[in-house]
Amino acid sequence: MVPRVLITEAAAAVVDRLRAENGPLLFHQSGGCCDGSAPMCFPADEFRVGDSDVRVGEINGCPFYMNDFQFEYWKNMQLTIDVVPGRGSSFSLEIPLGLRFMVLSRLFTEEEIGNLMPV
């Protein structure tokens, strides 16, 4: 099965650090508020997943969600979560570290579309 979302080694190392400090985590792909459209990391018990959120996959042991209307736009793309230096203007846990998660995307091939992980 082809995963819908991946994570780079650098971003996974940041997730490991954040998990050690905050416990279980989850990601939610922002739909345009605050920092534009950015993947945001939260303590799992401090973010309420809504009825319209879709669980797209899991990265480094963290569930990854986005709103259903946004998933409709991204459903044919594989997302890779990376981290870069800089301060975003979101509420994501990595911001105080002087880092920000970002999403890279690519279209799935026709072969991959028939073999995607279910949501």
PDB file of N, CA and C in Angstrom:
ATOM      1  N   MET A   1       0.835  -1.185   0.000  1.00  0.00           N
ATOM      2  CA  MET A   1       0.000   0.000   0.000  1.00  0.00           C
ATOM      3  C   MET A   1       0.883   1.253   0.000  1.00  0.00           C
ATOM      4  N   VAL A   2       0.473   2.233  -0.749  1.00  0.00           N
ATOM      5  CA  VAL A   2       1.213   3.482  -0.863  1.00  0.00           C
ATOM      6  C   VAL A   2       0.704   4.450   0.210  1.00  0.00           C
ATOM      7  N   PRO A   3       1.607   4.953   1.076  1.00  0.00           N
ATOM      8  CA  PRO A   3       1.164   5.907   2.095  1.00  0.00           C
ATOM      9  C   PRO A   3       0.831   7.259   1.482  1.00  0.00           C
ATOM     10  N   ARG A   4      -0.141   7.932   2.072  1.00  0.00           N
ATOM     11  CA  ARG A   4      -0.549   9.252   1.608  1.00  0.00           C
ATOM     12  C   ARG A   4       0.320  10.355   2.198  1.00  0.00           C
ATOM     13  N   VAL A   5       0.958  10.064   3.330  1.00  0.00           N
ATOM     14  CA  VAL A   5       1.791  11.073   3.984  1.00  0.00           C
ATOM     15  C   VAL A   5       3.063  10.417   4.504  1.00  0.00           C
ATOM     16  N   LEU A   6       4.181  11.113   4.298  1.00  0.00           N
ATOM     17  CA  LEU A   6       5.506  10.666   4.718  1.00  0.00           C
ATOM     18  C   LEU A   6       6.139  11.750   5.581  1.00  0.00           C
ATOM     19  N   ILE A   7       7.292  11.443   6.171  1.00  0.00           N
ATOM     20  CA  ILE A   7       8.027  12.430   6.963  1.00  0.00           C
ATOM     21  C   ILE A   7       9.512  12.264   6.693  1.00  0.00           C
ATOM     22  N   THR A   8      10.237  13.371   6.627  1.00  0.00           N
ATOM     23  CA  THR A   8      11.684  13.306   6.431  1.00  0.00           C
ATOM     24  C   THR A   8      12.359  12.920   7.748  1.00  0.00           C
ATOM     25  N   GLU A   9      13.609  12.487   7.649  1.00  0.00           N
ATOM     26  CA  GLU A   9      14.363  12.144   8.858  1.00  0.00           C
ATOM     27  C   GLU A   9      14.522  13.346   9.775  1.00  0.00           C
ATOM     28  N   ALA A  10      14.780  14.520   9.198  1.00  0.00           N
ATOM     29  CA  ALA A  10      14.953  15.732  10.010  1.00  0.00           C
ATOM     30  C   ALA A  10      13.670  16.067  10.763  1.00  0.00           C
ATOM     31  N   ALA A  11      12.536  15.977  10.091  1.00  0.00           N
ATOM     32  CA  ALA A  11      11.260  16.271  10.749  1.00  0.00           C
ATOM     33  C   ALA A  11      10.945  15.208  11.798  1.00  0.00           C
ATOM     34  N   ALA A  12      11.265  13.947  11.519  1.00  0.00           N
ATOM     35  CA  ALA A  12      11.026  12.879  12.494  1.00  0.00           C
ATOM     36  C   ALA A  12      11.844  13.108  13.769  1.00  0.00           C
ATOM     37  N   ALA A  13      13.074  13.600  13.625  1.00  0.00           N
ATOM     38  CA  ALA A  13      13.905  13.889  14.799  1.00  0.00           C
ATOM     39  C   ALA A  13      13.268  14.990  15.652  1.00  0.00           C
ATOM     40  N   VAL A  14      12.690  15.996  15.008  1.00  0.00           N
ATOM     41  CA  VAL A  14      12.002  17.067  15.745  1.00  0.00           C
ATOM     42  C   VAL A  14      10.768  16.503  16.438  1.00  0.00           C
ATOM     43  N   VAL A  15      10.026  15.643  15.761  1.00  0.00           N
ATOM     44  CA  VAL A  15       8.851  15.009  16.367  1.00  0.00           C
ATOM     45  C   VAL A  15       9.267  14.206  17.602  1.00  0.00           C
ATOM     46  N   ASP A  16      10.361  13.467  17.502  1.00  0.00           N
ATOM     47  CA  ASP A  16      10.848  12.699  18.660  1.00  0.00           C
ATOM     48  C   ASP A  16      11.139  13.617  19.841  1.00  0.00           C
ATOM     49  N   ARG A  17      11.770  14.742  19.579  1.00  0.00           N
ATOM     50  CA  ARG A  17      12.077  15.710  20.639  1.00  0.00           C
ATOM     51  C   ARG A  17      10.796  16.276  21.247  1.00  0.00           C
ATOM     52  N   LEU A  18       9.855  16.653  20.387  1.00  0.00           N
ATOM     53  CA  LEU A  18       8.597  17.218  20.873  1.00  0.00           C
ATOM     54  C   LEU A  18       7.788  16.191  21.663  1.00  0.00           C
ATOM     55  N   ARG A  19       7.825  14.935  21.224  1.00  0.00           N
ATOM     56  CA  ARG A  19       7.096  13.875  21.937  1.00  0.00           C
ATOM     57  C   ARG A  19       7.704  13.645  23.318  1.00  0.00           C
ATOM     58  N   ALA A  20       9.031  13.705  23.412  1.00  0.00           N
ATOM     59  CA  ALA A  20       9.699  13.532  24.711  1.00  0.00           C
ATOM     60  C   ALA A  20       9.297  14.642  25.682  1.00  0.00           C
ATOM     61  N   GLU A  21       9.046  15.822  25.161  1.00  0.00           N
ATOM     62  CA  GLU A  21       8.680  16.971  26.004  1.00  0.00           C
ATOM     63  C   GLU A  21       7.181  17.075  26.269  1.00  0.00           C
ATOM     64  N   ASN A  22       6.349  16.562  25.340  1.00  0.00           N
ATOM     65  CA  ASN A  22       4.907  16.812  25.402  1.00  0.00           C
ATOM     66  C   ASN A  22       4.027  15.573  25.444  1.00  0.00           C
ATOM     67  N   GLY A  23       4.601  14.397  25.308  1.00  0.00           N
ATOM     68  CA  GLY A  23       3.787  13.186  25.255  1.00  0.00           C
ATOM     69  C   GLY A  23       3.255  12.930  23.855  1.00  0.00           C
ATOM     70  N   PRO A  24       2.191  12.117  23.743  1.00  0.00           N
ATOM     71  CA  PRO A  24       1.636  11.780  22.425  1.00  0.00           C
ATOM     72  C   PRO A  24       1.240  13.029  21.634  1.00  0.00           C
ATOM     73  N   LEU A  25       1.489  12.964  20.317  1.00  0.00           N
ATOM     74  CA  LEU A  25       1.259  14.105  19.436  1.00  0.00           C
ATOM     75  C   LEU A  25       0.326  13.721  18.300  1.00  0.00           C
ATOM     76  N   LEU A  26      -0.223  14.739  17.653  1.00  0.00           N
ATOM     77  CA  LEU A  26      -0.926  14.542  16.394  1.00  0.00           C
ATOM     78  C   LEU A  26      -0.634  15.730  15.490  1.00  0.00           C
ATOM     79  N   PHE A  27      -0.821  15.502  14.196  1.00  0.00           N
ATOM     80  CA  PHE A  27      -0.661  16.561  13.203  1.00  0.00           C
ATOM     81  C   PHE A  27      -2.013  16.877  12.582  1.00  0.00           C
ATOM     82  N   HIS A  28      -2.190  18.157  12.263  1.00  0.00           N
ATOM     83  CA  HIS A  28      -3.364  18.590  11.518  1.00  0.00           C
ATOM     84  C   HIS A  28      -2.881  19.569  10.453  1.00  0.00           C
ATOM     85  N   GLN A  29      -3.256  19.297   9.214  1.00  0.00           N
ATOM     86  CA  GLN A  29      -2.892  20.180   8.110  1.00  0.00           C
ATOM     87  C   GLN A  29      -3.803  21.393   8.164  1.00  0.00           C
ATOM     88  N   SER A  30      -3.228  22.536   8.472  1.00  0.00           N
ATOM     89  CA  SER A  30      -4.000  23.771   8.567  1.00  0.00           C
ATOM     90  C   SER A  30      -4.650  24.087   7.229  1.00  0.00           C
ATOM     91  N   GLY A  31      -5.825  24.625   7.296  1.00  0.00           N
ATOM     92  CA  GLY A  31      -6.559  24.962   6.078  1.00  0.00           C
ATOM     93  C   GLY A  31      -6.463  26.414   5.681  1.00  0.00           C
ATOM     94  N   GLY A  32      -5.439  27.135   6.125  1.00  0.00           N
ATOM     95  CA  GLY A  32      -5.259  28.499   5.673  1.00  0.00           C
ATOM     96  C   GLY A  32      -5.280  29.542   6.760  1.00  0.00           C
ATOM     97  N   CYS A  33      -5.622  29.185   7.960  1.00  0.00           N
ATOM     98  CA  CYS A  33      -5.616  30.142   9.070  1.00  0.00           C
ATOM     99  C   CYS A  33      -4.182  30.333   9.560  1.00  0.00           C
ATOM    100  N   CYS A  34      -3.917  31.432  10.163  1.00  0.00           N
ATOM    101  CA  CYS A  34      -2.631  31.722  10.815  1.00  0.00           C
ATOM    102  C   CYS A  34      -1.453  31.656   9.848  1.00  0.00           C
ATOM    103  N   ASP A  35      -0.870  30.497   9.675  1.00  0.00           N
ATOM    104  CA  ASP A  35       0.360  30.351   8.905  1.00  0.00           C
ATOM    105  C   ASP A  35       0.090  29.864   7.487  1.00  0.00           C
ATOM    106  N   GLY A  36      -1.015  30.269   6.919  1.00  0.00           N
ATOM    107  CA  GLY A  36      -1.340  29.783   5.586  1.00  0.00           C
ATOM    108  C   GLY A  36      -1.821  28.355   5.678  1.00  0.00           C
ATOM    109  N   SER A  37      -1.296  27.493   4.871  1.00  0.00           N
ATOM    110  CA  SER A  37      -1.653  26.084   4.897  1.00  0.00           C
ATOM    111  C   SER A  37      -0.408  25.318   5.318  1.00  0.00           C
ATOM    112  N   ALA A  38      -0.324  25.014   6.601  1.00  0.00           N
ATOM    113  CA  ALA A  38       0.879  24.387   7.138  1.00  0.00           C
ATOM    114  C   ALA A  38       0.519  23.195   8.012  1.00  0.00           C
ATOM    115  N   PRO A  39       1.377  22.180   8.042  1.00  0.00           N
ATOM    116  CA  PRO A  39       1.151  21.078   8.976  1.00  0.00           C
ATOM    117  C   PRO A  39       1.470  21.552  10.390  1.00  0.00           C
ATOM    118  N   MET A  40       0.542  21.317  11.302  1.00  0.00           N
ATOM    119  CA  MET A  40       0.745  21.766  12.682  1.00  0.00           C
ATOM    120  C   MET A  40       0.743  20.566  13.619  1.00  0.00           C
ATOM    121  N   CYS A  41       1.634  20.620  14.588  1.00  0.00           N
ATOM    122  CA  CYS A  41       1.823  19.546  15.556  1.00  0.00           C
ATOM    123  C   CYS A  41       1.293  19.999  16.918  1.00  0.00           C
ATOM    124  N   PHE A  42       0.466  19.158  17.531  1.00  0.00           N
ATOM    125  CA  PHE A  42      -0.149  19.476  18.817  1.00  0.00           C
ATOM    126  C   PHE A  42      -0.046  18.292  19.769  1.00  0.00           C
ATOM    127  N   PRO A  43      -0.087  18.540  21.090  1.00  0.00           N
ATOM    128  CA  PRO A  43      -0.264  17.428  22.018  1.00  0.00           C
ATOM    129  C   PRO A  43      -1.599  16.746  21.675  1.00  0.00           C
ATOM    130  N   ALA A  44      -1.606  15.434  21.620  1.00  0.00           N
ATOM    131  CA  ALA A  44      -2.795  14.701  21.181  1.00  0.00           C
ATOM    132  C   ALA A  44      -4.011  14.993  22.046  1.00  0.00           C
ATOM    133  N   ASP A  45      -3.801  15.246  23.323  1.00  0.00           N
ATOM    134  CA  ASP A  45      -4.938  15.487  24.212  1.00  0.00           C
ATOM    135  C   ASP A  45      -5.373  16.954  24.239  1.00  0.00           C
ATOM    136  N   GLU A  46      -4.737  17.805  23.440  1.00  0.00           N
ATOM    137  CA  GLU A  46      -5.092  19.231  23.424  1.00  0.00           C
ATOM    138  C   GLU A  46      -5.686  19.686  22.099  1.00  0.00           C
ATOM    139  N   PHE A  47      -5.877  18.768  21.169  1.00  0.00           N
ATOM    140  CA  PHE A  47      -6.485  19.128  19.890  1.00  0.00           C
ATOM    141  C   PHE A  47      -7.717  18.263  19.682  1.00  0.00           C
ATOM    142  N   ARG A  48      -8.808  18.895  19.417  1.00  0.00           N
ATOM    143  CA  ARG A  48     -10.049  18.169  19.201  1.00  0.00           C
ATOM    144  C   ARG A  48     -10.254  17.926  17.711  1.00  0.00           C
ATOM    145  N   VAL A  49     -10.217  16.666  17.319  1.00  0.00           N
ATOM    146  CA  VAL A  49     -10.451  16.296  15.932  1.00  0.00           C
ATOM    147  C   VAL A  49     -11.950  16.425  15.678  1.00  0.00           C
ATOM    148  N   GLY A  50     -12.302  17.105  14.579  1.00  0.00           N
ATOM    149  CA  GLY A  50     -13.703  17.353  14.270  1.00  0.00           C
ATOM    150  C   GLY A  50     -14.323  16.269  13.410  1.00  0.00           C
ATOM    151  N   ASP A  51     -15.641  16.304  13.322  1.00  0.00           N
ATOM    152  CA  ASP A  51     -16.377  15.340  12.505  1.00  0.00           C
ATOM    153  C   ASP A  51     -16.014  15.440  11.029  1.00  0.00           C
ATOM    154  N   SER A  52     -15.540  16.602  10.597  1.00  0.00           N
ATOM    155  CA  SER A  52     -15.194  16.786   9.183  1.00  0.00           C
ATOM    156  C   SER A  52     -13.706  16.553   8.912  1.00  0.00           C
ATOM    157  N   ASP A  53     -12.963  16.099   9.922  1.00  0.00           N
ATOM    158  CA  ASP A  53     -11.541  15.812   9.724  1.00  0.00           C
ATOM    159  C   ASP A  53     -11.345  14.384   9.225  1.00  0.00           C
ATOM    160  N   VAL A  54     -10.384  14.217   8.323  1.00  0.00           N
ATOM    161  CA  VAL A  54     -10.051  12.930   7.727  1.00  0.00           C
ATOM    162  C   VAL A  54      -8.676  12.519   8.234  1.00  0.00           C
ATOM    163  N   ARG A  55      -8.553  11.289   8.715  1.00  0.00           N
ATOM    164  CA  ARG A  55      -7.237  10.763   9.106  1.00  0.00           C
ATOM    165  C   ARG A  55      -6.561  10.274   7.829  1.00  0.00           C
ATOM    166  N   VAL A  56      -5.550  11.020   7.401  1.00  0.00           N
ATOM    167  CA  VAL A  56      -4.881  10.770   6.129  1.00  0.00           C
ATOM    168  C   VAL A  56      -3.822   9.679   6.267  1.00  0.00           C
ATOM    169  N   GLY A  57      -3.265   9.547   7.443  1.00  0.00           N
ATOM    170  CA  GLY A  57      -2.229   8.549   7.674  1.00  0.00           C
ATOM    171  C   GLY A  57      -1.572   8.772   9.015  1.00  0.00           C
ATOM    172  N   GLU A  58      -0.357   8.237   9.126  1.00  0.00           N
ATOM    173  CA  GLU A  58       0.416   8.363  10.357  1.00  0.00           C
ATOM    174  C   GLU A  58       1.871   8.635   9.984  1.00  0.00           C
ATOM    175  N   ILE A  59       2.497   9.566  10.717  1.00  0.00           N
ATOM    176  CA  ILE A  59       3.907   9.853  10.493  1.00  0.00           C
ATOM    177  C   ILE A  59       4.637   9.772  11.823  1.00  0.00           C
ATOM    178  N   ASN A  60       5.655   8.957  11.854  1.00  0.00           N
ATOM    179  CA  ASN A  60       6.496   8.800  13.044  1.00  0.00           C
ATOM    180  C   ASN A  60       5.649   8.574  14.297  1.00  0.00           C
ATOM    181  N   GLY A  61       4.636   7.739  14.173  1.00  0.00           N
ATOM    182  CA  GLY A  61       3.793   7.395  15.301  1.00  0.00           C
ATOM    183  C   GLY A  61       2.718   8.411  15.637  1.00  0.00           C
ATOM    184  N   CYS A  62       2.530   9.422  14.798  1.00  0.00           N
ATOM    185  CA  CYS A  62       1.542  10.479  15.047  1.00  0.00           C
ATOM    186  C   CYS A  62       0.458  10.438  13.974  1.00  0.00           C
ATOM    187  N   PRO A  63      -0.812  10.413  14.372  1.00  0.00           N
ATOM    188  CA  PRO A  63      -1.863  10.502  13.357  1.00  0.00           C
ATOM    189  C   PRO A  63      -1.805  11.852  12.647  1.00  0.00           C
ATOM    190  N   PHE A  64      -2.161  11.850  11.379  1.00  0.00           N
ATOM    191  CA  PHE A  64      -2.130  13.058  10.547  1.00  0.00           C
ATOM    192  C   PHE A  64      -3.523  13.278   9.971  1.00  0.00           C
ATOM    193  N   TYR A  65      -4.116  14.439  10.290  1.00  0.00           N
ATOM    194  CA  TYR A  65      -5.474  14.771   9.878  1.00  0.00           C
ATOM    195  C   TYR A  65      -5.508  16.023   8.997  1.00  0.00           C
ATOM    196  N   MET A  66      -6.588  16.144   8.241  1.00  0.00           N
ATOM    197  CA  MET A  66      -6.920  17.390   7.562  1.00  0.00           C
ATOM    198  C   MET A  66      -8.429  17.428   7.381  1.00  0.00           C
ATOM    199  N   ASN A  67      -8.955  18.611   7.145  1.00  0.00           N
ATOM    200  CA  ASN A  67     -10.376  18.776   6.937  1.00  0.00           C
ATOM    201  C   ASN A  67     -10.791  18.092   5.643  1.00  0.00           C
ATOM    202  N   ASP A  68     -12.011  17.582   5.598  1.00  0.00           N
ATOM    203  CA  ASP A  68     -12.475  16.838   4.425  1.00  0.00           C
ATOM    204  C   ASP A  68     -12.469  17.670   3.137  1.00  0.00           C
ATOM    205  N   PHE A  69     -12.784  18.969   3.220  1.00  0.00           N
ATOM    206  CA  PHE A  69     -12.758  19.788   2.001  1.00  0.00           C
ATOM    207  C   PHE A  69     -11.330  19.950   1.496  1.00  0.00           C
ATOM    208  N   GLN A  70     -10.369  19.994   2.406  1.00  0.00           N
ATOM    209  CA  GLN A  70      -8.971  20.104   2.005  1.00  0.00           C
ATOM    210  C   GLN A  70      -8.479  18.766   1.451  1.00  0.00           C
ATOM    211  N   PHE A  71      -8.908  17.674   2.059  1.00  0.00           N
ATOM    212  CA  PHE A  71      -8.534  16.352   1.556  1.00  0.00           C
ATOM    213  C   PHE A  71      -8.993  16.173   0.116  1.00  0.00           C
ATOM    214  N   GLU A  72     -10.153  16.696  -0.198  1.00  0.00           N
ATOM    215  CA  GLU A  72     -10.663  16.593  -1.566  1.00  0.00           C
ATOM    216  C   GLU A  72      -9.662  17.200  -2.554  1.00  0.00           C
ATOM    217  N   TYR A  73      -9.012  18.275  -2.169  1.00  0.00           N
ATOM    218  CA  TYR A  73      -8.000  18.924  -3.011  1.00  0.00           C
ATOM    219  C   TYR A  73      -6.700  18.119  -3.051  1.00  0.00           C
ATOM    220  N   TRP A  74      -6.283  17.552  -1.907  1.00  0.00           N
ATOM    221  CA  TRP A  74      -4.992  16.878  -1.775  1.00  0.00           C
ATOM    222  C   TRP A  74      -5.047  15.371  -2.037  1.00  0.00           C
ATOM    223  N   LYS A  75      -6.215  14.804  -2.269  1.00  0.00           N
ATOM    224  CA  LYS A  75      -6.353  13.346  -2.305  1.00  0.00           C
ATOM    225  C   LYS A  75      -5.506  12.656  -3.370  1.00  0.00           C
ATOM    226  N   ASN A  76      -5.098  13.345  -4.404  1.00  0.00           N
ATOM    227  CA  ASN A  76      -4.278  12.747  -5.456  1.00  0.00           C
ATOM    228  C   ASN A  76      -2.800  13.075  -5.309  1.00  0.00           C
ATOM    229  N   MET A  77      -2.422  13.549  -4.117  1.00  0.00           N
ATOM    230  CA  MET A  77      -1.027  13.929  -3.874  1.00  0.00           C
ATOM    231  C   MET A  77      -0.476  13.236  -2.638  1.00  0.00           C
ATOM    232  N   GLN A  78       0.784  12.839  -2.743  1.00  0.00           N
ATOM    233  CA  GLN A  78       1.482  12.336  -1.566  1.00  0.00           C
ATOM    234  C   GLN A  78       2.142  13.522  -0.875  1.00  0.00           C
ATOM    235  N   LEU A  79       1.943  13.617   0.420  1.00  0.00           N
ATOM    236  CA  LEU A  79       2.498  14.710   1.210  1.00  0.00           C
ATOM    237  C   LEU A  79       3.726  14.215   1.944  1.00  0.00           C
ATOM    238  N   THR A  80       4.755  15.035   1.995  1.00  0.00           N
ATOM    239  CA  THR A  80       5.935  14.746   2.801  1.00  0.00           C
ATOM    240  C   THR A  80       6.121  15.910   3.751  1.00  0.00           C
ATOM    241  N   ILE A  81       6.174  15.598   5.039  1.00  0.00           N
ATOM    242  CA  ILE A  81       6.353  16.620   6.059  1.00  0.00           C
ATOM    243  C   ILE A  81       7.842  16.784   6.309  1.00  0.00           C
ATOM    244  N   ASP A  82       8.308  18.020   6.200  1.00  0.00           N
ATOM    245  CA  ASP A  82       9.705  18.361   6.409  1.00  0.00           C
ATOM    246  C   ASP A  82       9.760  19.464   7.454  1.00  0.00           C
ATOM    247  N   VAL A  83      10.951  19.845   7.848  1.00  0.00           N
ATOM    248  CA  VAL A  83      11.137  20.930   8.811  1.00  0.00           C
ATOM    249  C   VAL A  83      12.243  21.843   8.289  1.00  0.00           C
ATOM    250  N   VAL A  84      12.061  23.145   8.476  1.00  0.00           N
ATOM    251  CA  VAL A  84      13.047  24.130   8.037  1.00  0.00           C
ATOM    252  C   VAL A  84      13.240  25.167   9.143  1.00  0.00           C
ATOM    253  N   PRO A  85      14.392  25.839   9.150  1.00  0.00           N
ATOM    254  CA  PRO A  85      14.573  26.924  10.122  1.00  0.00           C
ATOM    255  C   PRO A  85      13.616  28.066   9.818  1.00  0.00           C
ATOM    256  N   GLY A  86      13.199  28.735  10.846  1.00  0.00           N
ATOM    257  CA  GLY A  86      12.322  29.885  10.682  1.00  0.00           C
ATOM    258  C   GLY A  86      11.143  29.796  11.620  1.00  0.00           C
ATOM    259  N   ARG A  87      10.556  30.940  11.878  1.00  0.00           N
ATOM    260  CA  ARG A  87       9.404  30.983  12.776  1.00  0.00           C
ATOM    261  C   ARG A  87       8.134  31.181  11.962  1.00  0.00           C
ATOM    262  N   GLY A  88       7.262  30.226  12.078  1.00  0.00           N
ATOM    263  CA  GLY A  88       5.945  30.390  11.488  1.00  0.00           C
ATOM    264  C   GLY A  88       5.081  31.185  12.452  1.00  0.00           C
ATOM    265  N   SER A  89       3.889  31.499  12.035  1.00  0.00           N
ATOM    266  CA  SER A  89       2.995  32.257  12.905  1.00  0.00           C
ATOM    267  C   SER A  89       1.819  31.387  13.347  1.00  0.00           C
ATOM    268  N   SER A  90       2.105  30.119  13.603  1.00  0.00           N
ATOM    269  CA  SER A  90       1.050  29.200  14.015  1.00  0.00           C
ATOM    270  C   SER A  90       1.210  28.838  15.487  1.00  0.00           C
ATOM    271  N   PHE A  91       0.366  27.930  15.927  1.00  0.00           N
ATOM    272  CA  PHE A  91       0.397  27.450  17.305  1.00  0.00           C
ATOM    273  C   PHE A  91       1.085  26.091  17.408  1.00  0.00           C
ATOM    274  N   SER A  92       1.764  25.673  16.372  1.00  0.00           N
ATOM    275  CA  SER A  92       2.412  24.374  16.326  1.00  0.00           C
ATOM    276  C   SER A  92       3.580  24.304  17.314  1.00  0.00           C
ATOM    277  N   LEU A  93       3.801  23.120  17.875  1.00  0.00           N
ATOM    278  CA  LEU A  93       4.786  22.939  18.943  1.00  0.00           C
ATOM    279  C   LEU A  93       6.228  23.246  18.565  1.00  0.00           C
ATOM    280  N   GLU A  94       6.584  23.155  17.298  1.00  0.00           N
ATOM    281  CA  GLU A  94       7.986  23.359  16.902  1.00  0.00           C
ATOM    282  C   GLU A  94       8.373  24.837  16.826  1.00  0.00           C
ATOM    283  N   ILE A  95       7.411  25.727  16.801  1.00  0.00           N
ATOM    284  CA  ILE A  95       7.679  27.160  16.602  1.00  0.00           C
ATOM    285  C   ILE A  95       8.667  27.720  17.633  1.00  0.00           C
ATOM    286  N   PRO A  96       8.533  27.425  18.944  1.00  0.00           N
ATOM    287  CA  PRO A  96       9.504  27.960  19.910  1.00  0.00           C
ATOM    288  C   PRO A  96      10.946  27.468  19.694  1.00  0.00           C
ATOM    289  N   LEU A  97      11.114  26.397  18.919  1.00  0.00           N
ATOM    290  CA  LEU A  97      12.448  25.879  18.617  1.00  0.00           C
ATOM    291  C   LEU A  97      13.108  26.646  17.477  1.00  0.00           C
ATOM    292  N   GLY A  98      12.400  27.619  16.899  1.00  0.00           N
ATOM    293  CA  GLY A  98      12.939  28.350  15.749  1.00  0.00           C
ATOM    294  C   GLY A  98      12.837  27.543  14.469  1.00  0.00           C
ATOM    295  N   LEU A  99      11.896  26.603  14.438  1.00  0.00           N
ATOM    296  CA  LEU A  99      11.684  25.728  13.290  1.00  0.00           C
ATOM    297  C   LEU A  99      10.233  25.799  12.874  1.00  0.00           C
ATOM    298  N   ARG A 100       9.967  25.298  11.666  1.00  0.00           N
ATOM    299  CA  ARG A 100       8.580  25.181  11.223  1.00  0.00           C
ATOM    300  C   ARG A 100       8.446  23.977  10.314  1.00  0.00           C
ATOM    301  N   PHE A 101       7.382  23.232  10.539  1.00  0.00           N
ATOM    302  CA  PHE A 101       7.081  22.120   9.642  1.00  0.00           C
ATOM    303  C   PHE A 101       6.514  22.686   8.355  1.00  0.00           C
ATOM    304  N   MET A 102       6.800  22.000   7.266  1.00  0.00           N
ATOM    305  CA  MET A 102       6.250  22.396   5.970  1.00  0.00           C
ATOM    306  C   MET A 102       5.854  21.141   5.214  1.00  0.00           C
ATOM    307  N   VAL A 103       4.957  21.299   4.275  1.00  0.00           N
ATOM    308  CA  VAL A 103       4.499  20.162   3.485  1.00  0.00           C
ATOM    309  C   VAL A 103       5.033  20.284   2.062  1.00  0.00           C
ATOM    310  N   LEU A 104       5.552  19.191   1.572  1.00  0.00           N
ATOM    311  CA  LEU A 104       5.956  19.063   0.170  1.00  0.00           C
ATOM    312  C   LEU A 104       4.960  18.092  -0.456  1.00  0.00           C
ATOM    313  N   SER A 105       4.630  18.276  -1.704  1.00  0.00           N
ATOM    314  CA  SER A 105       3.644  17.388  -2.310  1.00  0.00           C
ATOM    315  C   SER A 105       4.064  16.988  -3.716  1.00  0.00           C
ATOM    316  N   ARG A 106       3.549  15.852  -4.111  1.00  0.00           N
ATOM    317  CA  ARG A 106       3.726  15.375  -5.487  1.00  0.00           C
ATOM    318  C   ARG A 106       2.492  14.579  -5.864  1.00  0.00           C
ATOM    319  N   LEU A 107       2.148  14.585  -7.136  1.00  0.00           N
ATOM    320  CA  LEU A 107       1.010  13.808  -7.616  1.00  0.00           C
ATOM    321  C   LEU A 107       1.337  12.322  -7.576  1.00  0.00           C
ATOM    322  N   PHE A 108       0.366  11.523  -7.190  1.00  0.00           N
ATOM    323  CA  PHE A 108       0.521  10.071  -7.276  1.00  0.00           C
ATOM    324  C   PHE A 108       0.531   9.665  -8.743  1.00  0.00           C
ATOM    325  N   THR A 109       1.246   8.591  -9.040  1.00  0.00           N
ATOM    326  CA  THR A 109       1.188   8.014 -10.380  1.00  0.00           C
ATOM    327  C   THR A 109      -0.128   7.248 -10.507  1.00  0.00           C
ATOM    328  N   GLU A 110      -0.505   6.908 -11.722  1.00  0.00           N
ATOM    329  CA  GLU A 110      -1.729   6.121 -11.934  1.00  0.00           C
ATOM    330  C   GLU A 110      -1.646   4.784 -11.214  1.00  0.00           C
ATOM    331  N   GLU A 111      -0.462   4.159 -11.232  1.00  0.00           N
ATOM    332  CA  GLU A 111      -0.274   2.887 -10.528  1.00  0.00           C
ATOM    333  C   GLU A 111      -0.490   3.054  -9.029  1.00  0.00           C
ATOM    334  N   GLU A 112       0.053   4.125  -8.468  1.00  0.00           N
ATOM    335  CA  GLU A 112      -0.075   4.354  -7.024  1.00  0.00           C
ATOM    336  C   GLU A 112      -1.515   4.615  -6.615  1.00  0.00           C
ATOM    337  N   ILE A 113      -2.271   5.341  -7.431  1.00  0.00           N
ATOM    338  CA  ILE A 113      -3.653   5.676  -7.078  1.00  0.00           C
ATOM    339  C   ILE A 113      -4.481   4.423  -6.815  1.00  0.00           C
ATOM    340  N   GLY A 114      -4.215   3.377  -7.555  1.00  0.00           N
ATOM    341  CA  GLY A 114      -4.936   2.120  -7.344  1.00  0.00           C
ATOM    342  C   GLY A 114      -4.473   1.333  -6.141  1.00  0.00           C
ATOM    343  N   ASN A 115      -3.439   1.820  -5.458  1.00  0.00           N
ATOM    344  CA  ASN A 115      -2.846   1.072  -4.350  1.00  0.00           C
ATOM    345  C   ASN A 115      -2.647   1.949  -3.105  1.00  0.00           C
ATOM    346  N   LEU A 116      -3.494   2.969  -2.933  1.00  0.00           N
ATOM    347  CA  LEU A 116      -3.337   3.914  -1.825  1.00  0.00           C
ATOM    348  C   LEU A 116      -3.845   3.351  -0.507  1.00  0.00           C
ATOM    349  N   MET A 117      -3.211   3.788   0.565  1.00  0.00           N
ATOM    350  CA  MET A 117      -3.693   3.465   1.905  1.00  0.00           C
ATOM    351  C   MET A 117      -5.088   4.063   2.039  1.00  0.00           C
ATOM    352  N   PRO A 118      -6.022   3.332   2.621  1.00  0.00           N
ATOM    353  CA  PRO A 118      -7.370   3.903   2.803  1.00  0.00           C
ATOM    354  C   PRO A 118      -7.368   4.979   3.880  1.00  0.00           C
ATOM    355  N   VAL A 119      -8.359   5.873   3.813  1.00  0.00           N
ATOM    356  CA  VAL A 119      -8.513   6.916   4.825  1.00  0.00           C
ATOM    357  C   VAL A 119      -9.656   6.549   5.738  1.00  0.00           C
TER     358      VAL A 119
END
